[in-house]
Amino acid sequence: MRNNLFRISYPNKKPLSVNKGMTLIEVLVALVILVTGIFGAVAMQASAKKGSFDAMQRSVASALAQDIIERMRSNDSDFLVLETYQGVYGAALNAIPGVRCNSAASLCTSAQMVTNDLYEWEVKLMGADVTAGGKNSGGLVGAFGCIDHNRNAVTVVISWQGRIETADGYDANNNSSAAATLANACGTSDNKRRQVTVEAFVY
């Protein structure tokens, strides 16, 4: 008896030679998208770090302005004493006062308190209280502190250098006021200058 052979055909079956998977072009496109995303994340992190640093500098400047005003209030209400605080600070650190006024055994006069207040304030302003490798590493970058007064009305301007160029921190639209005149003269005028101005009445 003869065996009958049947050939079964599958019309939808693809040839075995057809390759499956990703082509080289698809892999390259995926890599380009991935690398672009990584660069974007790195750039965003760098921008956030700069913004955080600038915010910290502004916070320090505000605290320094309030610090010297409170020192002036603690010293004396006489506007003649306030007059001796007036000046521009930050170019060079003042000499250490002979009388430090930091203990009950070394009581100071109002004039001696002014000398101590300005020295300690300028140390903070210039970051000389924190050093690394013999250089100041605290305080503000390129800081200047400017103090003016009109009897018991006191104006304090803190100027420093920002990380990126935007616009000068001095507002030229308000140049008619005494505070704006002081701000214009405080620090180096350029697009990196940042400023905080605090006006107070010391009584």
C-alpha atoms as a PDB file:
ATOM      1  CA  MET A   1       0.000   0.000   0.000  1.00  0.00           C
ATOM      2  CA  ARG A   2       1.303   3.274  -0.987  1.00  0.00           C
ATOM      3  CA  ASN A   3       1.581   6.056   1.514  1.00  0.00           C
ATOM      4  CA  ASN A   4       0.057   9.252   0.336  1.00  0.00           C
ATOM      5  CA  LEU A   5       2.161  12.320   1.147  1.00  0.00           C
ATOM      6  CA  PHE A   6       0.422  15.556   1.757  1.00  0.00           C
ATOM      7  CA  ARG A   7       2.171  18.878   1.571  1.00  0.00           C
ATOM      8  CA  ILE A   8       0.675  21.481   3.888  1.00  0.00           C
ATOM      9  CA  SER A   9       1.250  25.094   2.927  1.00  0.00           C
ATOM     10  CA  TYR A  10       0.978  28.124   5.161  1.00  0.00           C
ATOM     11  CA  PRO A  11       0.292  31.165   3.029  1.00  0.00           C
ATOM     12  CA  ASN A  12       0.786  33.710   5.918  1.00  0.00           C
ATOM     13  CA  LYS A  13       4.142  32.402   7.053  1.00  0.00           C
ATOM     14  CA  LYS A  14       7.033  34.822   6.456  1.00  0.00           C
ATOM     15  CA  PRO A  15      10.318  33.601   5.098  1.00  0.00           C
ATOM     16  CA  LEU A  16      12.908  32.784   7.720  1.00  0.00           C
ATOM     17  CA  SER A  17      15.330  35.236   6.194  1.00  0.00           C
ATOM     18  CA  VAL A  18      13.377  38.354   7.397  1.00  0.00           C
ATOM     19  CA  ASN A  19      15.309  40.104  10.213  1.00  0.00           C
ATOM     20  CA  LYS A  20      13.583  41.590  13.270  1.00  0.00           C
ATOM     21  CA  GLY A  21      14.802  44.235  15.752  1.00  0.00           C
ATOM     22  CA  MET A  22      16.043  47.852  15.805  1.00  0.00           C
ATOM     23  CA  THR A  23      18.026  49.297  12.971  1.00  0.00           C
ATOM     24  CA  LEU A  24      21.191  51.318  13.471  1.00  0.00           C
ATOM     25  CA  ILE A  25      19.353  54.551  12.637  1.00  0.00           C
ATOM     26  CA  GLU A  26      16.754  53.914  15.327  1.00  0.00           C
ATOM     27  CA  VAL A  27      19.494  53.303  17.896  1.00  0.00           C
ATOM     28  CA  LEU A  28      21.254  56.553  16.946  1.00  0.00           C
ATOM     29  CA  VAL A  29      18.020  58.564  17.190  1.00  0.00           C
ATOM     30  CA  ALA A  30      17.348  57.107  20.643  1.00  0.00           C
ATOM     31  CA  LEU A  31      20.878  58.001  21.758  1.00  0.00           C
ATOM     32  CA  VAL A  32      20.512  61.578  20.493  1.00  0.00           C
ATOM     33  CA  ILE A  33      17.266  61.997  22.447  1.00  0.00           C
ATOM     34  CA  LEU A  34      18.825  60.509  25.588  1.00  0.00           C
ATOM     35  CA  VAL A  35      21.944  62.697  25.407  1.00  0.00           C
ATOM     36  CA  THR A  36      19.828  65.828  24.792  1.00  0.00           C
ATOM     37  CA  GLY A  37      17.799  65.043  27.896  1.00  0.00           C
ATOM     38  CA  ILE A  38      20.923  64.551  29.999  1.00  0.00           C
ATOM     39  CA  PHE A  39      22.442  67.839  28.827  1.00  0.00           C
ATOM     40  CA  GLY A  40      19.170  69.615  29.593  1.00  0.00           C
ATOM     41  CA  ALA A  41      19.110  68.199  33.123  1.00  0.00           C
ATOM     42  CA  VAL A  42      22.735  69.249  33.731  1.00  0.00           C
ATOM     43  CA  ALA A  43      22.062  72.775  32.428  1.00  0.00           C
ATOM     44  CA  MET A  44      18.965  73.061  34.623  1.00  0.00           C
ATOM     45  CA  GLN A  45      20.935  71.985  37.684  1.00  0.00           C
ATOM     46  CA  ALA A  46      23.697  74.532  36.967  1.00  0.00           C
ATOM     47  CA  SER A  47      21.120  77.306  36.539  1.00  0.00           C
ATOM     48  CA  ALA A  48      19.388  76.344  39.778  1.00  0.00           C
ATOM     49  CA  LYS A  49      22.730  76.373  41.611  1.00  0.00           C
ATOM     50  CA  LYS A  50      23.500  79.890  40.365  1.00  0.00           C
ATOM     51  CA  GLY A  51      20.052  81.081  41.393  1.00  0.00           C
ATOM     52  CA  SER A  52      20.454  79.539  44.840  1.00  0.00           C
ATOM     53  CA  PHE A  53      23.845  81.210  45.291  1.00  0.00           C
ATOM     54  CA  ASP A  54      22.497  84.630  44.278  1.00  0.00           C
ATOM     55  CA  ALA A  55      19.553  84.238  46.665  1.00  0.00           C
ATOM     56  CA  MET A  56      21.943  83.348  49.487  1.00  0.00           C
ATOM     57  CA  GLN A  57      24.076  86.419  48.743  1.00  0.00           C
ATOM     58  CA  ARG A  58      21.015  88.691  48.837  1.00  0.00           C
ATOM     59  CA  SER A  59      19.959  87.168  52.149  1.00  0.00           C
ATOM     60  CA  VAL A  60      23.430  87.780  53.616  1.00  0.00           C
ATOM     61  CA  ALA A  61      23.386  91.390  52.359  1.00  0.00           C
ATOM     62  CA  SER A  62      20.001  92.041  53.988  1.00  0.00           C
ATOM     63  CA  ALA A  63      21.218  90.538  57.270  1.00  0.00           C
ATOM     64  CA  LEU A  64      24.383  92.688  57.206  1.00  0.00           C
ATOM     65  CA  ALA A  65      22.359  95.859  56.637  1.00  0.00           C
ATOM     66  CA  GLN A  66      20.093  95.037  59.575  1.00  0.00           C
ATOM     67  CA  ASP A  67      23.121  94.091  61.698  1.00  0.00           C
ATOM     68  CA  ILE A  68      24.809  97.495  61.489  1.00  0.00           C
ATOM     69  CA  ILE A  69      21.511  99.297  62.069  1.00  0.00           C
ATOM     70  CA  GLU A  70      20.937  97.306  65.270  1.00  0.00           C
ATOM     71  CA  ARG A  71      24.497  98.041  66.367  1.00  0.00           C
ATOM     72  CA  MET A  72      23.833 101.749  65.886  1.00  0.00           C
ATOM     73  CA  ARG A  73      20.614 101.512  67.885  1.00  0.00           C
ATOM     74  CA  SER A  74      22.423  99.716  70.702  1.00  0.00           C
ATOM     75  CA  ASN A  75      25.163 102.321  70.923  1.00  0.00           C
ATOM     76  CA  ASP A  76      23.560 105.722  71.326  1.00  0.00           C
ATOM     77  CA  SER A  77      20.559 107.689  70.113  1.00  0.00           C
ATOM     78  CA  ASP A  78      22.582 110.885  69.658  1.00  0.00           C
ATOM     79  CA  PHE A  79      22.843 111.732  65.952  1.00  0.00           C
ATOM     80  CA  LEU A  80      26.383 113.007  66.553  1.00  0.00           C
ATOM     81  CA  VAL A  81      27.367 109.426  67.406  1.00  0.00           C
ATOM     82  CA  LEU A  82      25.556 108.138  64.319  1.00  0.00           C
ATOM     83  CA  GLU A  83      27.593 110.553  62.220  1.00  0.00           C
ATOM     84  CA  THR A  84      30.776 108.659  63.057  1.00  0.00           C
ATOM     85  CA  TYR A  85      29.376 105.455  61.470  1.00  0.00           C
ATOM     86  CA  GLN A  86      29.143 107.167  58.106  1.00  0.00           C
ATOM     87  CA  GLY A  87      31.494 105.969  55.383  1.00  0.00           C
ATOM     88  CA  VAL A  88      32.289 103.366  52.728  1.00  0.00           C
ATOM     89  CA  TYR A  89      33.558  99.990  53.908  1.00  0.00           C
ATOM     90  CA  GLY A  90      34.909  96.885  52.207  1.00  0.00           C
ATOM     91  CA  ALA A  91      37.915  98.190  50.274  1.00  0.00           C
ATOM     92  CA  ALA A  92      40.338  97.184  53.042  1.00  0.00           C
ATOM     93  CA  LEU A  93      39.823  95.785  56.517  1.00  0.00           C
ATOM     94  CA  ASN A  94      40.273  98.289  59.334  1.00  0.00           C
ATOM     95  CA  ALA A  95      42.868  97.685  62.011  1.00  0.00           C
ATOM     96  CA  ILE A  96      41.848  95.690  65.080  1.00  0.00           C
ATOM     97  CA  PRO A  97      40.635  98.150  67.738  1.00  0.00           C
ATOM     98  CA  GLY A  98      42.827  98.579  70.815  1.00  0.00           C
ATOM     99  CA  VAL A  99      39.817  98.130  73.106  1.00  0.00           C
ATOM    100  CA  ARG A 100      37.572  95.250  72.012  1.00  0.00           C
ATOM    101  CA  CYS A 101      34.507  95.948  74.209  1.00  0.00           C
ATOM    102  CA  ASN A 102      33.784  92.237  74.481  1.00  0.00           C
ATOM    103  CA  SER A 103      33.785  91.734  78.248  1.00  0.00           C
ATOM    104  CA  ALA A 104      32.521  93.359  81.420  1.00  0.00           C
ATOM    105  CA  ALA A 105      36.104  94.170  82.359  1.00  0.00           C
ATOM    106  CA  SER A 106      36.618  96.332  79.237  1.00  0.00           C
ATOM    107  CA  LEU A 107      33.737  98.774  79.186  1.00  0.00           C
ATOM    108  CA  CYS A 108      33.762 101.182  76.241  1.00  0.00           C
ATOM    109  CA  THR A 109      32.681 104.683  75.487  1.00  0.00           C
ATOM    110  CA  SER A 110      30.299 105.386  72.598  1.00  0.00           C
ATOM    111  CA  ALA A 111      33.250 106.318  70.360  1.00  0.00           C
ATOM    112  CA  GLN A 112      35.055 103.058  71.165  1.00  0.00           C
ATOM    113  CA  MET A 113      31.839 101.123  70.458  1.00  0.00           C
ATOM    114  CA  VAL A 114      31.666 102.744  67.021  1.00  0.00           C
ATOM    115  CA  THR A 115      35.215 101.574  66.238  1.00  0.00           C
ATOM    116  CA  ASN A 116      34.420  98.031  67.385  1.00  0.00           C
ATOM    117  CA  ASP A 117      31.070  97.916  65.592  1.00  0.00           C
ATOM    118  CA  LEU A 118      32.576  99.002  62.289  1.00  0.00           C
ATOM    119  CA  TYR A 119      35.506  96.586  62.588  1.00  0.00           C
ATOM    120  CA  GLU A 120      33.309  93.575  63.402  1.00  0.00           C
ATOM    121  CA  TRP A 121      30.790  94.544  60.708  1.00  0.00           C
ATOM    122  CA  GLU A 122      33.482  94.937  58.069  1.00  0.00           C
ATOM    123  CA  VAL A 123      34.938  91.530  58.986  1.00  0.00           C
ATOM    124  CA  LYS A 124      31.538  89.971  58.245  1.00  0.00           C
ATOM    125  CA  LEU A 125      31.080  92.088  55.129  1.00  0.00           C
ATOM    126  CA  MET A 126      34.396  90.999  53.628  1.00  0.00           C
ATOM    127  CA  GLY A 127      34.159  87.402  54.878  1.00  0.00           C
ATOM    128  CA  ALA A 128      37.378  87.744  56.858  1.00  0.00           C
ATOM    129  CA  ASP A 129      35.935  85.657  59.709  1.00  0.00           C
ATOM    130  CA  VAL A 130      36.030  82.557  57.458  1.00  0.00           C
ATOM    131  CA  THR A 131      39.264  81.839  55.578  1.00  0.00           C
ATOM    132  CA  ALA A 132      40.579  79.042  53.390  1.00  0.00           C
ATOM    133  CA  GLY A 133      44.181  78.959  52.215  1.00  0.00           C
ATOM    134  CA  GLY A 134      44.787  82.421  53.620  1.00  0.00           C
ATOM    135  CA  LYS A 135      41.935  83.951  51.600  1.00  0.00           C
ATOM    136  CA  ASN A 136      38.527  85.167  52.719  1.00  0.00           C
ATOM    137  CA  SER A 137      35.877  82.593  51.874  1.00  0.00           C
ATOM    138  CA  GLY A 138      32.824  83.950  53.670  1.00  0.00           C
ATOM    139  CA  GLY A 139      30.756  87.076  53.265  1.00  0.00           C
ATOM    140  CA  LEU A 140      29.771  88.571  49.943  1.00  0.00           C
ATOM    141  CA  VAL A 141      31.615  88.571  46.613  1.00  0.00           C
ATOM    142  CA  GLY A 142      33.243  91.963  46.022  1.00  0.00           C
ATOM    143  CA  ALA A 143      31.240  93.542  48.841  1.00  0.00           C
ATOM    144  CA  PHE A 144      30.996  97.223  49.765  1.00  0.00           C
ATOM    145  CA  GLY A 145      28.976  98.665  52.616  1.00  0.00           C
ATOM    146  CA  CYS A 146      27.950 102.330  52.553  1.00  0.00           C
ATOM    147  CA  ILE A 147      26.387 104.178  55.489  1.00  0.00           C
ATOM    148  CA  ASP A 148      24.833 107.640  55.436  1.00  0.00           C
ATOM    149  CA  HIS A 149      22.615 109.506  57.849  1.00  0.00           C
ATOM    150  CA  ASN A 150      20.461 112.599  58.190  1.00  0.00           C
ATOM    151  CA  ARG A 151      20.283 113.249  61.911  1.00  0.00           C
ATOM    152  CA  ASN A 152      18.522 110.068  63.146  1.00  0.00           C
ATOM    153  CA  ALA A 153      17.544 108.790  59.690  1.00  0.00           C
ATOM    154  CA  VAL A 154      20.068 106.178  58.528  1.00  0.00           C
ATOM    155  CA  THR A 155      20.574 104.654  55.074  1.00  0.00           C
ATOM    156  CA  VAL A 156      22.645 101.505  54.584  1.00  0.00           C
ATOM    157  CA  VAL A 157      23.545 100.212  51.108  1.00  0.00           C
ATOM    158  CA  ILE A 158      25.222  96.843  50.555  1.00  0.00           C
ATOM    159  CA  SER A 159      26.718  96.191  47.103  1.00  0.00           C
ATOM    160  CA  TRP A 160      28.204  92.940  45.828  1.00  0.00           C
ATOM    161  CA  GLN A 161      29.006  91.138  42.578  1.00  0.00           C
ATOM    162  CA  GLY A 162      26.542  88.624  41.143  1.00  0.00           C
ATOM    163  CA  ARG A 163      27.447  85.463  39.223  1.00  0.00           C
ATOM    164  CA  ILE A 164      26.006  86.500  35.846  1.00  0.00           C
ATOM    165  CA  GLU A 165      25.522  89.784  34.001  1.00  0.00           C
ATOM    166  CA  THR A 166      21.969  91.129  33.983  1.00  0.00           C
ATOM    167  CA  ALA A 167      21.678  94.828  34.821  1.00  0.00           C
ATOM    168  CA  ASP A 168      23.271  97.219  37.287  1.00  0.00           C
ATOM    169  CA  GLY A 169      21.640  96.940  40.710  1.00  0.00           C
ATOM    170  CA  TYR A 170      21.528 100.719  40.982  1.00  0.00           C
ATOM    171  CA  ASP A 171      18.125 102.075  39.976  1.00  0.00           C
ATOM    172  CA  ALA A 172      18.810 105.193  37.897  1.00  0.00           C
ATOM    173  CA  ASN A 173      15.089 106.101  37.887  1.00  0.00           C
ATOM    174  CA  ASN A 174      15.280 107.053  41.577  1.00  0.00           C
ATOM    175  CA  ASN A 175      18.394 109.225  41.392  1.00  0.00           C
ATOM    176  CA  SER A 176      16.675 112.199  43.007  1.00  0.00           C
ATOM    177  CA  SER A 177      16.729 110.746  46.515  1.00  0.00           C
ATOM    178  CA  ALA A 178      19.698 110.792  48.886  1.00  0.00           C
ATOM    179  CA  ALA A 179      19.482 107.006  49.229  1.00  0.00           C
ATOM    180  CA  ALA A 180      19.804 106.569  45.468  1.00  0.00           C
ATOM    181  CA  THR A 181      22.798 108.910  45.387  1.00  0.00           C
ATOM    182  CA  LEU A 182      24.485 106.798  48.052  1.00  0.00           C
ATOM    183  CA  ALA A 183      23.600 103.592  46.179  1.00  0.00           C
ATOM    184  CA  ASN A 184      25.106 104.926  42.947  1.00  0.00           C
ATOM    185  CA  ALA A 185      28.408 105.651  44.687  1.00  0.00           C
ATOM    186  CA  CYS A 186      28.504 102.318  46.533  1.00  0.00           C
ATOM    187  CA  GLY A 187      30.485  99.624  44.738  1.00  0.00           C
ATOM    188  CA  THR A 188      31.657  99.343  41.151  1.00  0.00           C
ATOM    189  CA  SER A 189      29.076 100.255  38.529  1.00  0.00           C
ATOM    190  CA  ASP A 190      28.606  97.341  36.115  1.00  0.00           C
ATOM    191  CA  ASN A 191      26.041  94.755  35.038  1.00  0.00           C
ATOM    192  CA  LYS A 192      27.027  92.372  37.828  1.00  0.00           C
ATOM    193  CA  ARG A 193      26.502  94.834  40.683  1.00  0.00           C
ATOM    194  CA  ARG A 194      23.709  93.836  43.056  1.00  0.00           C
ATOM    195  CA  GLN A 195      22.433  96.062  45.842  1.00  0.00           C
ATOM    196  CA  VAL A 196      20.292  96.054  48.955  1.00  0.00           C
ATOM    197  CA  THR A 197      19.225  99.415  50.426  1.00  0.00           C
ATOM    198  CA  VAL A 198      17.750  99.688  53.913  1.00  0.00           C
ATOM    199  CA  GLU A 199      16.484 102.955  55.382  1.00  0.00           C
ATOM    200  CA  ALA A 200      15.735 103.153  59.095  1.00  0.00           C
ATOM    201  CA  PHE A 201      15.161 105.641  61.894  1.00  0.00           C
ATOM    202  CA  VAL A 202      17.531 105.137  64.809  1.00  0.00           C
ATOM    203  CA  TYR A 203      16.116 106.492  68.038  1.00  0.00           C
END
